[in-house]
Amino acid sequence: MPPFSPFAMSRKSTKGYFVRGQFVAAGSELDQELKRELKGSVDMSKTDLKKHSDHLQALGESLLTLRSDLMARLREAHEDVNDKLIDALEDAKRITNFEGRRRQMQFIGKLMRKLGDETIAAIEATLEEQRKPSAQETLRLHQAEQWRDRLLADDGALTDWLQAHPEADVQHLRALIRQARKDAQAIKERPGEAARHGKAYREIFQLVRATFAGEDGNDHQPDDPVEPA
């Protein structure tokens, strides 16, 4: 047997690398495990990136429903909400072809990815603001409900309303009150049926609420407002 030689060992040294002070031989089980972990972390970041991209595209699609006054406020506060994005949104509203709209939304998603984090947060907050009624809107709904009930219960309430709102159409309002009372009486005469308010009852609420909205300088109203319980 030839004598031991350290130089011979050095010529057959194993390839590898060190991880936290530990030598990992190339091709070993530990090497393969570390490579799988590394690949998994890359895949995960790609997944997160895709989710973020999809979220921004969905956010851009939600902007199609944003009220004009809220959009104007966004544009004033955030300069990256620019004409290119606004024009792309307006074009999307006009496209009816499925494939054309899909491509347009992809383009909008691309523009959304160029927005800063602060702008994205502002867009999300503004969309949430539109979705939920403001404190002022909630108060207006309660006031409208209270006035409607007063108008139906007390003839003197109509006089009070006209004094506060002399521009009101008294003939129309009086006719609605008369019809709503007839409907309520008809319901009482049919005790076996579920109580359902008639059209006049709802129209009084809408009329009063619209008056309050005009006085607040906010002409925007939801298509189907929910009356407070």
C-alpha atoms as a PDB file:
ATOM      1  CA  MET A   1       0.000   0.000   0.000  1.00  0.00           C
ATOM      2  CA  PRO A   2       1.473   3.396  -0.954  1.00  0.00           C
ATOM      3  CA  PRO A   3       2.191   5.805   1.879  1.00  0.00           C
ATOM      4  CA  PHE A   4      -0.504   8.339   2.880  1.00  0.00           C
ATOM      5  CA  SER A   5      -0.137  11.629   1.045  1.00  0.00           C
ATOM      6  CA  PRO A   6      -2.159  14.799   1.940  1.00  0.00           C
ATOM      7  CA  PHE A   7      -1.468  16.125  -1.544  1.00  0.00           C
ATOM      8  CA  ALA A   8      -3.339  13.180  -3.063  1.00  0.00           C
ATOM      9  CA  MET A   9      -6.379  14.042  -0.915  1.00  0.00           C
ATOM     10  CA  SER A  10      -6.316  17.619  -2.062  1.00  0.00           C
ATOM     11  CA  ARG A  11      -6.476  16.524  -5.681  1.00  0.00           C
ATOM     12  CA  LYS A  12      -9.717  14.583  -4.922  1.00  0.00           C
ATOM     13  CA  SER A  13     -11.371  17.348  -2.840  1.00  0.00           C
ATOM     14  CA  THR A  14     -15.197  17.420  -3.025  1.00  0.00           C
ATOM     15  CA  LYS A  15     -16.900  20.394  -4.662  1.00  0.00           C
ATOM     16  CA  GLY A  16     -19.383  22.287  -2.560  1.00  0.00           C
ATOM     17  CA  TYR A  17     -20.017  25.417  -0.542  1.00  0.00           C
ATOM     18  CA  PHE A  18     -20.521  26.607   3.005  1.00  0.00           C
ATOM     19  CA  VAL A  19     -23.897  27.539   4.525  1.00  0.00           C
ATOM     20  CA  ARG A  20     -23.773  29.108   7.990  1.00  0.00           C
ATOM     21  CA  GLY A  21     -20.354  27.558   8.569  1.00  0.00           C
ATOM     22  CA  GLN A  22     -21.386  24.093   7.387  1.00  0.00           C
ATOM     23  CA  PHE A  23     -19.851  22.556   4.278  1.00  0.00           C
ATOM     24  CA  VAL A  24     -22.450  21.313   1.781  1.00  0.00           C
ATOM     25  CA  ALA A  25     -21.163  18.879  -0.798  1.00  0.00           C
ATOM     26  CA  ALA A  26     -22.415  19.426  -4.316  1.00  0.00           C
ATOM     27  CA  GLY A  27     -24.974  16.785  -5.230  1.00  0.00           C
ATOM     28  CA  SER A  28     -25.532  15.683  -1.651  1.00  0.00           C
ATOM     29  CA  GLU A  29     -28.993  15.303  -0.112  1.00  0.00           C
ATOM     30  CA  LEU A  30     -28.459  18.529   1.854  1.00  0.00           C
ATOM     31  CA  ASP A  31     -27.482  20.333  -1.344  1.00  0.00           C
ATOM     32  CA  GLN A  32     -30.649  19.137  -3.088  1.00  0.00           C
ATOM     33  CA  GLU A  33     -32.792  20.081  -0.103  1.00  0.00           C
ATOM     34  CA  LEU A  34     -31.365  23.600   0.009  1.00  0.00           C
ATOM     35  CA  LYS A  35     -31.953  23.997  -3.731  1.00  0.00           C
ATOM     36  CA  ARG A  36     -35.578  22.901  -3.330  1.00  0.00           C
ATOM     37  CA  GLU A  37     -36.064  25.466  -0.546  1.00  0.00           C
ATOM     38  CA  LEU A  38     -34.524  28.186  -2.705  1.00  0.00           C
ATOM     39  CA  LYS A  39     -36.763  27.296  -5.655  1.00  0.00           C
ATOM     40  CA  GLY A  40     -39.790  27.276  -3.366  1.00  0.00           C
ATOM     41  CA  SER A  41     -39.055  30.777  -2.081  1.00  0.00           C
ATOM     42  CA  VAL A  42     -38.711  32.062  -5.658  1.00  0.00           C
ATOM     43  CA  ASP A  43     -41.996  30.429  -6.661  1.00  0.00           C
ATOM     44  CA  MET A  44     -43.719  31.949  -3.640  1.00  0.00           C
ATOM     45  CA  SER A  45     -42.538  35.448  -4.514  1.00  0.00           C
ATOM     46  CA  LYS A  46     -43.793  34.951  -8.063  1.00  0.00           C
ATOM     47  CA  THR A  47     -47.180  33.912  -6.662  1.00  0.00           C
ATOM     48  CA  ASP A  48     -47.323  36.971  -4.440  1.00  0.00           C
ATOM     49  CA  LEU A  49     -46.390  39.165  -7.380  1.00  0.00           C
ATOM     50  CA  LYS A  50     -49.198  37.651  -9.481  1.00  0.00           C
ATOM     51  CA  LYS A  51     -51.721  38.182  -6.674  1.00  0.00           C
ATOM     52  CA  HIS A  52     -50.641  41.796  -6.315  1.00  0.00           C
ATOM     53  CA  SER A  53     -50.924  42.328 -10.072  1.00  0.00           C
ATOM     54  CA  ASP A  54     -54.416  40.780 -10.135  1.00  0.00           C
ATOM     55  CA  HIS A  55     -55.448  42.962  -7.195  1.00  0.00           C
ATOM     56  CA  LEU A  56     -54.338  46.123  -8.971  1.00  0.00           C
ATOM     57  CA  GLN A  57     -56.192  45.141 -12.141  1.00  0.00           C
ATOM     58  CA  ALA A  58     -59.366  44.470 -10.123  1.00  0.00           C
ATOM     59  CA  LEU A  59     -58.871  47.819  -8.402  1.00  0.00           C
ATOM     60  CA  GLY A  60     -58.629  49.478 -11.807  1.00  0.00           C
ATOM     61  CA  GLU A  61     -61.879  47.823 -12.850  1.00  0.00           C
ATOM     62  CA  SER A  62     -63.535  49.118  -9.682  1.00  0.00           C
ATOM     63  CA  LEU A  63     -62.499  52.637 -10.715  1.00  0.00           C
ATOM     64  CA  LEU A  64     -64.977  52.342 -13.581  1.00  0.00           C
ATOM     65  CA  THR A  65     -67.758  52.706 -11.000  1.00  0.00           C
ATOM     66  CA  LEU A  66     -66.217  55.586  -9.055  1.00  0.00           C
ATOM     67  CA  ARG A  67     -68.288  58.768  -8.889  1.00  0.00           C
ATOM     68  CA  SER A  68     -66.958  61.702 -10.858  1.00  0.00           C
ATOM     69  CA  ASP A  69     -66.610  63.942  -7.793  1.00  0.00           C
ATOM     70  CA  LEU A  70     -64.506  61.341  -5.981  1.00  0.00           C
ATOM     71  CA  MET A  71     -62.376  60.759  -9.080  1.00  0.00           C
ATOM     72  CA  ALA A  72     -61.764  64.500  -9.378  1.00  0.00           C
ATOM     73  CA  ARG A  73     -60.632  64.561  -5.753  1.00  0.00           C
ATOM     74  CA  LEU A  74     -58.206  61.712  -6.403  1.00  0.00           C
ATOM     75  CA  ARG A  75     -56.743  63.464  -9.426  1.00  0.00           C
ATOM     76  CA  GLU A  76     -56.263  66.670  -7.495  1.00  0.00           C
ATOM     77  CA  ALA A  77     -54.465  64.944  -4.615  1.00  0.00           C
ATOM     78  CA  HIS A  78     -52.382  62.439  -6.615  1.00  0.00           C
ATOM     79  CA  GLU A  79     -50.664  63.554  -9.791  1.00  0.00           C
ATOM     80  CA  ASP A  80     -49.945  59.970 -10.912  1.00  0.00           C
ATOM     81  CA  VAL A  81     -53.708  59.551 -11.442  1.00  0.00           C
ATOM     82  CA  ASN A  82     -53.058  61.138 -14.826  1.00  0.00           C
ATOM     83  CA  ASP A  83     -54.896  61.682 -18.112  1.00  0.00           C
ATOM     84  CA  LYS A  84     -53.563  58.415 -19.544  1.00  0.00           C
ATOM     85  CA  LEU A  85     -55.239  56.390 -16.799  1.00  0.00           C
ATOM     86  CA  ILE A  86     -58.450  58.433 -16.948  1.00  0.00           C
ATOM     87  CA  ASP A  87     -58.656  58.082 -20.741  1.00  0.00           C
ATOM     88  CA  ALA A  88     -58.073  54.324 -20.450  1.00  0.00           C
ATOM     89  CA  LEU A  89     -60.930  54.058 -17.949  1.00  0.00           C
ATOM     90  CA  GLU A  90     -63.247  56.076 -20.182  1.00  0.00           C
ATOM     91  CA  ASP A  91     -62.353  53.885 -23.167  1.00  0.00           C
ATOM     92  CA  ALA A  92     -63.120  50.760 -21.127  1.00  0.00           C
ATOM     93  CA  LYS A  93     -66.617  52.070 -20.370  1.00  0.00           C
ATOM     94  CA  ARG A  94     -67.327  52.345 -24.100  1.00  0.00           C
ATOM     95  CA  ILE A  95     -65.972  48.920 -25.117  1.00  0.00           C
ATOM     96  CA  THR A  96     -68.672  46.261 -25.336  1.00  0.00           C
ATOM     97  CA  ASN A  97     -66.687  43.504 -27.083  1.00  0.00           C
ATOM     98  CA  PHE A  98     -65.559  40.895 -24.518  1.00  0.00           C
ATOM     99  CA  GLU A  99     -62.045  40.410 -25.891  1.00  0.00           C
ATOM    100  CA  GLY A 100     -61.554  44.128 -26.446  1.00  0.00           C
ATOM    101  CA  ARG A 101     -62.622  44.891 -22.894  1.00  0.00           C
ATOM    102  CA  ARG A 102     -60.361  42.152 -21.510  1.00  0.00           C
ATOM    103  CA  ARG A 103     -57.356  43.661 -23.274  1.00  0.00           C
ATOM    104  CA  GLN A 104     -58.305  47.135 -22.136  1.00  0.00           C
ATOM    105  CA  MET A 105     -58.500  45.977 -18.524  1.00  0.00           C
ATOM    106  CA  GLN A 106     -55.051  44.418 -18.873  1.00  0.00           C
ATOM    107  CA  PHE A 107     -53.779  47.790 -20.090  1.00  0.00           C
ATOM    108  CA  ILE A 108     -55.433  49.502 -17.127  1.00  0.00           C
ATOM    109  CA  GLY A 109     -53.794  46.954 -14.825  1.00  0.00           C
ATOM    110  CA  LYS A 110     -50.420  47.858 -16.360  1.00  0.00           C
ATOM    111  CA  LEU A 111     -51.075  51.548 -15.667  1.00  0.00           C
ATOM    112  CA  MET A 112     -52.177  50.759 -12.124  1.00  0.00           C
ATOM    113  CA  ARG A 113     -48.865  49.015 -11.447  1.00  0.00           C
ATOM    114  CA  LYS A 114     -47.099  52.305 -12.127  1.00  0.00           C
ATOM    115  CA  LEU A 115     -48.955  54.083  -9.322  1.00  0.00           C
ATOM    116  CA  GLY A 116     -47.273  54.739  -5.982  1.00  0.00           C
ATOM    117  CA  ASP A 117     -48.262  52.890  -2.817  1.00  0.00           C
ATOM    118  CA  GLU A 118     -49.785  56.066  -1.376  1.00  0.00           C
ATOM    119  CA  THR A 119     -52.000  56.494  -4.430  1.00  0.00           C
ATOM    120  CA  ILE A 120     -53.114  52.857  -4.329  1.00  0.00           C
ATOM    121  CA  ALA A 121     -54.048  53.244  -0.671  1.00  0.00           C
ATOM    122  CA  ALA A 122     -55.984  56.432  -1.484  1.00  0.00           C
ATOM    123  CA  ILE A 123     -57.885  54.671  -4.291  1.00  0.00           C
ATOM    124  CA  GLU A 124     -58.843  51.812  -1.969  1.00  0.00           C
ATOM    125  CA  ALA A 125     -60.005  54.263   0.702  1.00  0.00           C
ATOM    126  CA  THR A 126     -62.025  56.280  -1.819  1.00  0.00           C
ATOM    127  CA  LEU A 127     -63.762  53.192  -3.182  1.00  0.00           C
ATOM    128  CA  GLU A 128     -64.589  52.156   0.381  1.00  0.00           C
ATOM    129  CA  GLU A 129     -65.917  55.646   1.076  1.00  0.00           C
ATOM    130  CA  GLN A 130     -68.253  55.334  -1.908  1.00  0.00           C
ATOM    131  CA  ARG A 131     -69.386  51.883  -0.801  1.00  0.00           C
ATOM    132  CA  LYS A 132     -70.269  52.960   2.734  1.00  0.00           C
ATOM    133  CA  PRO A 133     -72.554  55.905   3.441  1.00  0.00           C
ATOM    134  CA  SER A 134     -70.896  58.832   5.141  1.00  0.00           C
ATOM    135  CA  ALA A 135     -71.979  60.087   8.560  1.00  0.00           C
ATOM    136  CA  GLN A 136     -73.692  62.991   6.792  1.00  0.00           C
ATOM    137  CA  GLU A 137     -75.588  60.624   4.514  1.00  0.00           C
ATOM    138  CA  THR A 138     -76.666  58.464   7.456  1.00  0.00           C
ATOM    139  CA  LEU A 139     -77.969  61.543   9.284  1.00  0.00           C
ATOM    140  CA  ARG A 140     -79.827  62.622   6.151  1.00  0.00           C
ATOM    141  CA  LEU A 141     -81.524  59.228   5.906  1.00  0.00           C
ATOM    142  CA  HIS A 142     -82.689  59.397   9.506  1.00  0.00           C
ATOM    143  CA  GLN A 143     -83.960  62.950   9.073  1.00  0.00           C
ATOM    144  CA  ALA A 144     -85.881  61.956   5.963  1.00  0.00           C
ATOM    145  CA  GLU A 145     -87.442  59.007   7.785  1.00  0.00           C
ATOM    146  CA  GLN A 146     -88.488  61.215  10.721  1.00  0.00           C
ATOM    147  CA  TRP A 147     -90.012  63.870   8.482  1.00  0.00           C
ATOM    148  CA  ARG A 148     -91.886  61.272   6.444  1.00  0.00           C
ATOM    149  CA  ASP A 149     -93.430  59.816   9.599  1.00  0.00           C
ATOM    150  CA  ARG A 150     -94.349  63.296  10.861  1.00  0.00           C
ATOM    151  CA  LEU A 151     -95.964  64.261   7.559  1.00  0.00           C
ATOM    152  CA  LEU A 152     -98.105  61.137   7.612  1.00  0.00           C
ATOM    153  CA  ALA A 153     -99.087  61.431  11.274  1.00  0.00           C
ATOM    154  CA  ASP A 154     -99.724  65.164  11.680  1.00  0.00           C
ATOM    155  CA  ASP A 155    -101.358  67.667   9.301  1.00  0.00           C
ATOM    156  CA  GLY A 156     -99.442  70.454  11.007  1.00  0.00           C
ATOM    157  CA  ALA A 157     -96.168  68.894   9.916  1.00  0.00           C
ATOM    158  CA  LEU A 158     -96.887  69.853   6.300  1.00  0.00           C
ATOM    159  CA  THR A 159     -97.130  73.505   7.329  1.00  0.00           C
ATOM    160  CA  ASP A 160     -93.814  73.210   9.183  1.00  0.00           C
ATOM    161  CA  TRP A 161     -92.199  71.600   6.138  1.00  0.00           C
ATOM    162  CA  LEU A 162     -93.428  74.319   3.777  1.00  0.00           C
ATOM    163  CA  GLN A 163     -92.168  77.032   6.105  1.00  0.00           C
ATOM    164  CA  ALA A 164     -88.717  75.460   6.108  1.00  0.00           C
ATOM    165  CA  HIS A 165     -88.838  74.633   2.382  1.00  0.00           C
ATOM    166  CA  PRO A 166     -91.074  77.160   0.605  1.00  0.00           C
ATOM    167  CA  GLU A 167     -89.915  75.939  -2.816  1.00  0.00           C
ATOM    168  CA  ALA A 168     -91.566  72.545  -2.242  1.00  0.00           C
ATOM    169  CA  ASP A 169     -94.359  71.401  -4.571  1.00  0.00           C
ATOM    170  CA  VAL A 170     -97.188  71.496  -2.034  1.00  0.00           C
ATOM    171  CA  GLN A 171     -99.797  69.936  -4.325  1.00  0.00           C
ATOM    172  CA  HIS A 172     -97.603  66.967  -5.166  1.00  0.00           C
ATOM    173  CA  LEU A 173     -96.572  66.427  -1.553  1.00  0.00           C
ATOM    174  CA  ARG A 174    -100.155  66.699  -0.296  1.00  0.00           C
ATOM    175  CA  ALA A 175    -101.277  64.123  -2.879  1.00  0.00           C
ATOM    176  CA  LEU A 176     -98.520  61.730  -1.799  1.00  0.00           C
ATOM    177  CA  ILE A 177     -99.477  62.095   1.858  1.00  0.00           C
ATOM    178  CA  ARG A 178    -103.135  61.458   1.069  1.00  0.00           C
ATOM    179  CA  GLN A 179    -102.303  58.330  -0.963  1.00  0.00           C
ATOM    180  CA  ALA A 180     -99.876  56.989   1.639  1.00  0.00           C
ATOM    181  CA  ARG A 181    -102.549  57.314   4.331  1.00  0.00           C
ATOM    182  CA  LYS A 182    -105.057  55.458   2.138  1.00  0.00           C
ATOM    183  CA  ASP A 183    -102.539  52.680   1.598  1.00  0.00           C
ATOM    184  CA  ALA A 184    -101.859  52.431   5.333  1.00  0.00           C
ATOM    185  CA  GLN A 185    -105.593  52.228   6.069  1.00  0.00           C
ATOM    186  CA  ALA A 186    -106.027  49.480   3.470  1.00  0.00           C
ATOM    187  CA  ILE A 187    -103.281  47.485   5.166  1.00  0.00           C
ATOM    188  CA  LYS A 188    -105.064  47.773   8.532  1.00  0.00           C
ATOM    189  CA  GLU A 189    -108.226  46.401   6.968  1.00  0.00           C
ATOM    190  CA  ARG A 190    -106.343  43.286   5.849  1.00  0.00           C
ATOM    191  CA  PRO A 191    -104.817  42.050   9.130  1.00  0.00           C
ATOM    192  CA  GLY A 192    -103.924  38.648   7.713  1.00  0.00           C
ATOM    193  CA  GLU A 193    -101.508  40.113   5.138  1.00  0.00           C
ATOM    194  CA  ALA A 194     -97.925  41.145   5.731  1.00  0.00           C
ATOM    195  CA  ALA A 195     -97.552  44.902   6.173  1.00  0.00           C
ATOM    196  CA  ARG A 196     -96.085  46.416   3.003  1.00  0.00           C
ATOM    197  CA  HIS A 197     -95.748  50.132   2.412  1.00  0.00           C
ATOM    198  CA  GLY A 198     -97.046  51.532  -0.847  1.00  0.00           C
ATOM    199  CA  LYS A 199     -95.296  53.569  -3.508  1.00  0.00           C
ATOM    200  CA  ALA A 200     -96.453  56.926  -2.087  1.00  0.00           C
ATOM    201  CA  TYR A 201     -94.856  56.092   1.277  1.00  0.00           C
ATOM    202  CA  ARG A 202     -91.490  55.531  -0.414  1.00  0.00           C
ATOM    203  CA  GLU A 203     -91.827  58.589  -2.652  1.00  0.00           C
ATOM    204  CA  ILE A 204     -92.317  60.884   0.341  1.00  0.00           C
ATOM    205  CA  PHE A 205     -89.071  59.577   1.792  1.00  0.00           C
ATOM    206  CA  GLN A 206     -87.260  60.135  -1.523  1.00  0.00           C
ATOM    207  CA  LEU A 207     -88.660  63.643  -1.895  1.00  0.00           C
ATOM    208  CA  VAL A 208     -87.626  64.708   1.614  1.00  0.00           C
ATOM    209  CA  ARG A 209     -84.210  63.133   1.268  1.00  0.00           C
ATOM    210  CA  ALA A 210     -83.605  64.800  -2.099  1.00  0.00           C
ATOM    211  CA  THR A 211     -84.453  68.158  -0.530  1.00  0.00           C
ATOM    212  CA  PHE A 212     -81.857  67.643   2.208  1.00  0.00           C
ATOM    213  CA  ALA A 213     -79.277  66.509  -0.354  1.00  0.00           C
ATOM    214  CA  GLY A 214     -79.801  69.671  -2.406  1.00  0.00           C
ATOM    215  CA  GLU A 215     -79.387  71.865   0.650  1.00  0.00           C
ATOM    216  CA  ASP A 216     -76.121  70.107   1.505  1.00  0.00           C
ATOM    217  CA  GLY A 217     -74.830  70.802  -1.989  1.00  0.00           C
ATOM    218  CA  ASN A 218     -74.640  67.092  -2.774  1.00  0.00           C
ATOM    219  CA  ASP A 219     -76.853  66.196  -5.697  1.00  0.00           C
ATOM    220  CA  HIS A 220     -75.505  62.657  -5.948  1.00  0.00           C
ATOM    221  CA  GLN A 221     -77.825  60.012  -4.619  1.00  0.00           C
ATOM    222  CA  PRO A 222     -77.697  56.230  -4.851  1.00  0.00           C
ATOM    223  CA  ASP A 223     -80.196  54.688  -7.260  1.00  0.00           C
ATOM    224  CA  ASP A 224     -81.833  52.638  -4.521  1.00  0.00           C
ATOM    225  CA  PRO A 225     -81.065  54.135  -1.089  1.00  0.00           C
ATOM    226  CA  VAL A 226     -81.684  52.004   1.958  1.00  0.00           C
ATOM    227  CA  GLU A 227     -83.958  53.507   4.551  1.00  0.00           C
ATOM    228  CA  PRO A 228     -82.731  53.205   8.124  1.00  0.00           C
ATOM    229  CA  ALA A 229     -84.565  50.642  10.220  1.00  0.00           C
END
